[in-house]
Protein backbone atom coordinates (compact mmCIF):
# COMPACT_ATOMS: atom_id res chain seq x y z
CA UNK A 1 -138.97 34.09 41.19
CA UNK A 2 -137.29 31.36 43.18
CA UNK A 3 -133.91 31.01 41.47
CA UNK A 4 -131.08 28.67 42.41
CA UNK A 5 -127.55 28.43 41.02
CA UNK A 6 -126.23 24.89 41.38
CA UNK A 7 -122.51 25.27 40.93
CA UNK A 8 -121.31 28.77 41.77
CA UNK A 9 -118.08 28.43 39.84
CA UNK A 10 -116.93 30.74 37.09
CA UNK A 11 -119.94 30.61 34.76
CA UNK A 12 -122.57 29.99 37.42
CA UNK A 13 -121.22 32.90 39.43
CA UNK A 14 -121.18 35.20 36.39
CA UNK A 15 -124.82 34.42 35.62
CA UNK A 16 -125.76 34.60 39.29
CA UNK A 17 -124.35 38.08 39.83
CA UNK A 18 -126.30 39.30 36.81
CA UNK A 19 -129.54 37.84 38.13
CA UNK A 20 -129.01 39.35 41.57
CA UNK A 21 -128.22 42.75 40.06
CA UNK A 22 -131.46 42.50 38.08
CA UNK A 23 -133.35 42.30 41.39
CA UNK A 24 -133.68 38.55 41.81
CA UNK A 25 -133.12 36.97 45.23
CA UNK A 26 -130.52 34.33 44.59
CA UNK A 27 -130.19 30.90 46.17
CA UNK A 28 -127.00 28.91 45.73
CA UNK A 29 -126.14 25.28 46.46
CA UNK A 30 -122.45 25.03 47.30
CA UNK A 31 -120.04 23.19 49.56
CA UNK A 32 -116.68 23.51 51.28
CA UNK A 33 -114.71 26.72 50.92
CA UNK A 34 -117.16 28.11 48.36
CA UNK A 35 -120.09 27.70 50.75
CA UNK A 36 -118.13 29.39 53.55
CA UNK A 37 -117.14 32.29 51.32
CA UNK A 38 -120.66 32.84 49.96
CA UNK A 39 -122.19 32.79 53.43
CA UNK A 40 -119.60 35.23 54.77
CA UNK A 41 -118.94 37.60 51.87
CA UNK A 42 -121.60 36.95 49.22
CA UNK A 43 -120.84 36.38 45.53
CA UNK A 44 -118.41 38.69 43.72
CA UNK A 45 -117.68 39.42 40.06
CA UNK A 46 -114.45 41.10 38.99
CA UNK A 47 -114.20 43.09 35.77
CA UNK A 48 -110.70 44.50 35.76
CA UNK A 49 -110.36 46.27 39.10
CA UNK A 50 -114.13 46.76 39.45
CA UNK A 51 -115.71 44.42 41.99
CA UNK A 52 -119.46 43.78 42.10
CA UNK A 53 -120.63 42.00 45.24
CA UNK A 54 -124.14 40.60 45.74
CA UNK A 55 -125.72 38.83 48.72
CA UNK A 56 -126.87 35.24 48.23
CA UNK A 57 -128.64 32.60 50.27
CA UNK A 58 -126.04 29.82 50.16
CA UNK A 59 -126.81 26.34 51.50
CA UNK A 60 -125.23 22.92 51.37
CA UNK A 61 -128.46 20.92 51.24
CA UNK A 62 -130.96 21.46 48.38
CA UNK A 63 -133.77 20.32 50.69
CA UNK A 64 -133.34 23.59 52.59
CA UNK A 65 -134.54 25.49 49.52
CA UNK A 66 -137.39 23.38 48.15
CA UNK A 67 -138.86 23.61 44.66
CA UNK A 68 -137.49 26.45 42.53
CA UNK A 69 -138.85 28.26 39.47
CA UNK A 70 -135.43 28.28 37.81
CA UNK A 71 -132.37 26.17 38.50
CA UNK A 72 -129.15 27.03 36.68
CA UNK A 73 -126.76 24.07 36.51
CA UNK A 74 -123.27 25.35 35.83
CA UNK A 75 -120.89 22.62 36.93
CA UNK A 76 -118.13 20.77 35.16
CA UNK A 77 -119.41 17.66 33.38
CA UNK A 78 -117.67 15.17 35.73
CA UNK A 79 -119.60 16.68 38.65
CA UNK A 80 -123.03 16.32 37.06
CA UNK A 81 -123.72 12.79 38.30
CA UNK A 82 -123.24 14.01 41.87
CA UNK A 83 -125.58 16.94 41.22
CA UNK A 84 -128.21 14.58 39.83
CA UNK A 85 -128.17 12.58 43.06
CA UNK A 86 -129.07 15.64 45.15
CA UNK A 87 -131.04 17.99 42.89
CA UNK A 88 -134.46 16.36 43.32
CA UNK A 89 -135.85 18.71 46.02
CA UNK A 90 -135.30 21.71 43.71
CA UNK A 91 -137.31 20.38 40.75
CA UNK A 92 -141.08 20.50 40.49
CA UNK A 93 -143.33 19.94 37.45
CA UNK A 94 -142.87 23.53 36.23
CA UNK A 95 -139.26 24.11 37.21
CA UNK A 96 -136.98 25.29 34.40
CA UNK A 97 -133.54 23.71 34.52
CA UNK A 98 -131.11 25.81 32.49
CA UNK A 99 -128.07 23.67 31.67
CA UNK A 100 -125.08 25.98 31.16
CA UNK A 101 -122.31 23.43 30.62
CA UNK A 102 -119.62 22.55 28.11
CA UNK A 103 -119.87 19.70 25.67
CA UNK A 104 -122.66 17.43 24.49
CA UNK A 105 -125.34 17.08 27.22
CA UNK A 106 -127.39 14.04 28.16
CA UNK A 107 -130.54 15.57 26.62
CA UNK A 108 -128.89 16.18 23.21
CA UNK A 109 -130.98 13.62 21.31
CA UNK A 110 -134.29 14.57 22.95
CA UNK A 111 -137.08 16.70 21.54
CA UNK A 112 -137.34 14.81 18.27
CA UNK A 113 -133.75 15.67 17.31
CA UNK A 114 -131.17 13.31 15.83
CA UNK A 115 -132.99 11.50 13.02
CA UNK A 116 -132.71 7.74 13.36
CA UNK A 117 -130.99 7.99 16.75
CA UNK A 118 -133.57 10.32 18.34
CA UNK A 119 -133.99 9.54 22.03
CA UNK A 120 -130.85 7.40 22.22
CA UNK A 121 -129.15 7.59 25.62
CA UNK A 122 -125.57 8.77 25.26
CA UNK A 123 -123.56 6.43 27.46
CA UNK A 124 -120.50 8.68 27.38
CA UNK A 125 -122.28 11.36 29.40
CA UNK A 126 -125.03 9.41 31.19
CA UNK A 127 -123.83 5.79 31.50
CA UNK A 128 -126.70 4.43 33.60
CA UNK A 129 -129.42 6.94 32.68
CA UNK A 130 -129.37 8.35 36.22
CA UNK A 131 -129.00 11.97 35.08
CA UNK A 132 -131.96 11.75 32.69
CA UNK A 133 -134.06 10.20 35.44
CA UNK A 134 -133.15 12.88 37.99
CA UNK A 135 -133.48 15.83 35.59
CA UNK A 136 -136.35 15.07 33.19
CA UNK A 137 -135.96 16.45 29.67
CA UNK A 138 -139.35 18.20 29.99
CA UNK A 139 -137.75 20.54 32.54
CA UNK A 140 -134.61 21.25 30.53
CA UNK A 141 -133.73 24.31 28.51
CA UNK A 142 -130.39 24.11 26.77
CA UNK A 143 -127.78 26.83 26.97
CA UNK A 144 -124.54 27.61 25.15
CA UNK A 145 -122.16 30.00 26.89
CA UNK A 146 -120.00 32.44 24.95
CA UNK A 147 -118.04 34.02 27.78
CA UNK A 148 -114.68 33.41 29.40
CA UNK A 149 -114.57 33.52 33.19
CA UNK A 150 -112.33 32.12 35.88
CA UNK A 151 -112.17 32.05 39.68
CA UNK A 152 -109.90 34.35 41.66
CA UNK A 153 -110.92 32.38 44.74
CA UNK A 154 -114.01 30.80 46.34
CA UNK A 155 -117.02 32.94 45.51
CA UNK A 156 -114.97 35.43 43.46
CA UNK A 157 -115.46 35.23 39.68
CA UNK A 158 -113.31 37.08 37.15
CA UNK A 159 -114.86 37.93 33.80
CA UNK A 160 -112.37 38.03 30.91
CA UNK A 161 -114.29 38.43 27.67
CA UNK A 162 -117.54 37.49 25.97
CA UNK A 163 -121.05 38.26 27.17
CA UNK A 164 -123.32 35.84 25.35
CA UNK A 165 -125.82 33.11 26.09
CA UNK A 166 -127.79 31.12 23.53
CA UNK A 167 -130.80 29.29 24.96
CA UNK A 168 -133.43 27.02 23.49
CA UNK A 169 -135.88 24.21 24.06
CA UNK A 170 -134.62 20.74 23.04
CA UNK A 171 -137.74 20.57 20.83
CA UNK A 172 -136.81 23.82 19.06
CA UNK A 173 -140.17 25.40 19.95
CA UNK A 174 -140.36 29.05 21.01
CA UNK A 175 -142.45 28.23 24.08
CA UNK A 176 -143.74 30.95 26.41
CA UNK A 177 -141.42 29.74 29.17
CA UNK A 178 -138.26 30.01 27.07
CA UNK A 179 -139.28 33.44 25.78
CA UNK A 180 -139.82 34.58 29.37
CA UNK A 181 -136.41 33.17 30.31
CA UNK A 182 -134.74 35.05 27.46
CA UNK A 183 -136.24 38.32 28.72
CA UNK A 184 -135.09 37.57 32.26
CA UNK A 185 -131.53 36.89 31.12
CA UNK A 186 -131.52 40.00 28.95
CA UNK A 187 -132.49 42.03 32.01
CA UNK A 188 -129.17 41.00 33.58
CA UNK A 189 -127.19 42.68 30.81
CA UNK A 190 -126.17 39.38 29.23
CA UNK A 191 -126.58 39.23 25.44
CA UNK A 192 -129.14 36.42 25.18
CA UNK A 193 -130.37 34.80 21.97
CA UNK A 194 -133.25 32.36 21.50
CA UNK A 195 -132.19 29.46 19.29
CA UNK A 196 -134.54 27.53 16.99
CA UNK A 197 -132.21 24.50 17.26
CA UNK A 198 -130.09 24.62 20.40
CA UNK A 199 -128.41 21.31 19.51
CA UNK A 200 -126.85 23.03 16.49
CA UNK A 201 -125.39 25.74 18.73
CA UNK A 202 -124.08 23.10 21.15
CA UNK A 203 -122.44 21.20 18.31
CA UNK A 204 -120.96 24.27 16.66
CA UNK A 205 -119.27 25.36 19.89
CA UNK A 206 -118.07 21.81 20.47
CA UNK A 207 -116.65 21.75 16.94
CA UNK A 208 -113.94 24.15 18.05
CA UNK A 209 -113.27 23.30 21.66
CA UNK A 210 -113.33 19.49 21.40
CA UNK A 211 -109.83 19.73 19.93
CA UNK A 212 -108.06 22.73 21.42
CA UNK A 213 -109.16 21.87 24.97
CA UNK A 214 -107.66 18.36 25.17
CA UNK A 215 -104.57 19.38 23.19
CA UNK A 216 -103.94 22.16 25.70
CA UNK A 217 -104.29 19.63 28.51
CA UNK A 218 -101.77 17.37 26.79
CA UNK A 219 -99.22 20.06 26.02
CA UNK A 220 -99.79 22.85 28.53
CA UNK A 221 -99.84 25.26 25.59
CA UNK A 222 -102.03 28.32 25.18
CA UNK A 223 -104.27 28.59 22.13
CA UNK A 224 -101.94 30.85 20.14
CA UNK A 225 -99.16 28.25 20.31
CA UNK A 226 -101.52 25.40 19.44
CA UNK A 227 -103.01 27.16 16.43
CA UNK A 228 -99.61 28.48 15.34
CA UNK A 229 -98.16 25.02 14.71
CA UNK A 230 -98.94 23.79 11.19
CA UNK A 231 -98.83 20.09 12.10
CA UNK A 232 -101.03 20.46 15.17
CA UNK A 233 -103.48 22.66 13.28
CA UNK A 234 -103.64 20.04 10.52
CA UNK A 235 -104.43 17.33 13.06
CA UNK A 236 -107.14 19.53 14.56
CA UNK A 237 -108.66 20.01 11.10
CA UNK A 238 -108.81 16.23 10.57
CA UNK A 239 -110.69 15.76 13.86
CA UNK A 240 -113.06 18.58 12.98
CA UNK A 241 -113.89 17.06 9.59
CA UNK A 242 -114.96 13.84 11.33
CA UNK A 243 -117.21 15.82 13.68
CA UNK A 244 -118.55 17.83 10.75
CA UNK A 245 -119.71 14.64 9.02
CA UNK A 246 -121.31 13.33 12.22
CA UNK A 247 -123.18 16.61 12.52
CA UNK A 248 -124.44 16.35 8.95
CA UNK A 249 -125.86 12.90 9.61
CA UNK A 250 -127.84 14.06 12.65
CA UNK A 251 -129.19 17.19 10.97
CA UNK A 252 -126.54 19.81 11.77
CA UNK A 253 -124.98 21.20 8.62
CA UNK A 254 -121.80 23.18 9.30
CA UNK A 255 -120.97 25.37 6.32
CA UNK A 256 -117.64 26.61 7.67
CA UNK A 257 -114.34 24.89 6.96
CA UNK A 258 -111.96 24.06 9.81
CA UNK A 259 -109.71 26.85 8.52
CA UNK A 260 -112.57 29.34 8.92
CA UNK A 261 -112.90 28.35 12.57
CA UNK A 262 -109.14 28.43 13.11
CA UNK A 263 -109.09 32.06 11.97
CA UNK A 264 -111.67 32.94 14.62
CA UNK A 265 -109.74 31.14 17.35
CA UNK A 266 -106.46 32.76 16.37
CA UNK A 267 -108.01 36.22 16.74
CA UNK A 268 -108.57 35.52 20.46
CA UNK A 269 -104.84 35.51 21.03
CA UNK A 270 -103.07 33.66 23.83
CA UNK A 271 -105.38 32.21 26.44
CA UNK A 272 -105.67 29.10 28.55
CA UNK A 273 -108.57 26.82 27.73
CA UNK A 274 -110.93 25.72 30.47
CA UNK A 275 -109.46 22.23 30.36
CA UNK A 276 -105.93 23.51 30.80
CA UNK A 277 -107.13 25.58 33.75
CA UNK A 278 -108.66 22.42 35.23
CA UNK A 279 -105.43 20.46 34.78
CA UNK A 280 -103.38 23.18 36.43
CA UNK A 281 -105.85 23.33 39.33
CA UNK A 282 -105.94 19.55 39.73
CA UNK A 283 -109.63 19.27 38.79
CA UNK A 284 -111.28 16.46 36.82
CA UNK A 285 -111.45 17.14 33.09
CA UNK A 286 -114.52 17.20 30.81
CA UNK A 287 -113.06 14.72 28.35
CA UNK A 288 -116.15 12.53 28.01
CA UNK A 289 -118.53 15.41 27.26
CA UNK A 290 -116.13 16.90 24.70
CA UNK A 291 -114.51 13.93 22.96
CA UNK A 292 -115.74 10.49 24.11
CA UNK A 293 -119.31 11.41 23.20
CA UNK A 294 -118.24 12.42 19.68
CA UNK A 295 -116.70 8.99 19.22
CA UNK A 296 -119.97 7.43 20.42
CA UNK A 297 -122.01 9.53 17.99
CA UNK A 298 -119.65 8.45 15.25
CA UNK A 299 -120.42 4.82 16.02
CA UNK A 300 -124.15 5.52 16.09
CA UNK A 301 -124.11 7.32 12.73
CA UNK A 302 -121.59 5.10 10.95
CA UNK A 303 -118.83 7.71 10.70
CA UNK A 304 -115.26 6.49 11.14
CA UNK A 305 -113.35 8.59 13.69
CA UNK A 306 -109.66 7.58 13.64
CA UNK A 307 -108.37 11.07 14.37
CA UNK A 308 -110.90 11.62 17.15
CA UNK A 309 -109.92 8.23 18.59
CA UNK A 310 -106.25 9.22 18.58
CA UNK A 311 -106.99 12.50 20.34
CA UNK A 312 -109.16 10.74 22.92
CA UNK A 313 -106.57 8.05 23.59
CA UNK A 314 -103.73 10.50 24.09
CA UNK A 315 -105.75 12.88 26.27
CA UNK A 316 -107.19 10.02 28.31
CA UNK A 317 -103.74 8.57 28.92
CA UNK A 318 -102.29 11.89 30.05
CA UNK A 319 -105.17 12.90 32.33
CA UNK A 320 -105.29 9.43 33.88
CA UNK A 321 -101.60 9.78 34.71
CA UNK A 322 -102.48 13.03 36.47
CA UNK A 323 -105.41 11.42 38.29
CA UNK A 324 -107.88 13.77 36.63
CA UNK A 325 -109.93 11.31 34.56
């Protein structure tokens, strides 16, 4: 297969190493120090002190690669518009675009999903519709990542915990192409599950990290400190109840209570969220894909979101001060 990773950061690199180890020749679109490192030293994955290094064909210009069978997009949400401007040469009629990103994606309401708001363009994540135009929904397969990875340096990924991917068609159909993709991903050693409603998996993951992520960016606190404060945890629960009602109105019933989810998060111990890592590294934050879009969905479904609004306002103010939003 012709496979390209667009965004060889933490998650893209983790998936990419697995694909290369499974015998796939791997193309990567990268730039700057990452491009230099990949061309010189290949792509590396660290598990403890064990280093796995694989060769890759790294280029700056997608036109150098041409149409691919599979493109894995694994960039931070603020970078997606820039990817959309350049990704065209990689996508043909039969190209699968696996979107392994945090938050609510631009294709979320496609495939007949969302009830009365099916097909609505989410302005929070695709303001002008440019992403949907560049990456047609017919090419997209959704993906939810359950793994924690970070970068030790350009082209060097460190895996912390978790080894799961959930994938699915926006339509919910178990098409031959998504079944083939599941088998490919399983061959890498990644625990891969085929979802009958990938939007539900997207929303359920968001239900937890739409709160802890921005609060960590505001406070600089690790998850154990955030969840250990009764007042903060109560505020998080209020935000989650708003999102739970939005989910119900678009066909995603969450049976857990916020307290159930808190218990799961607290078991993970002290760790830095991806948004806190971004703030500390001076990178743009994924606030729109995690929080702004929830507010927009609240407006579309008639759900009041005062607690979500407060969280968004505070996080937006802080990250703007830092020049990261």
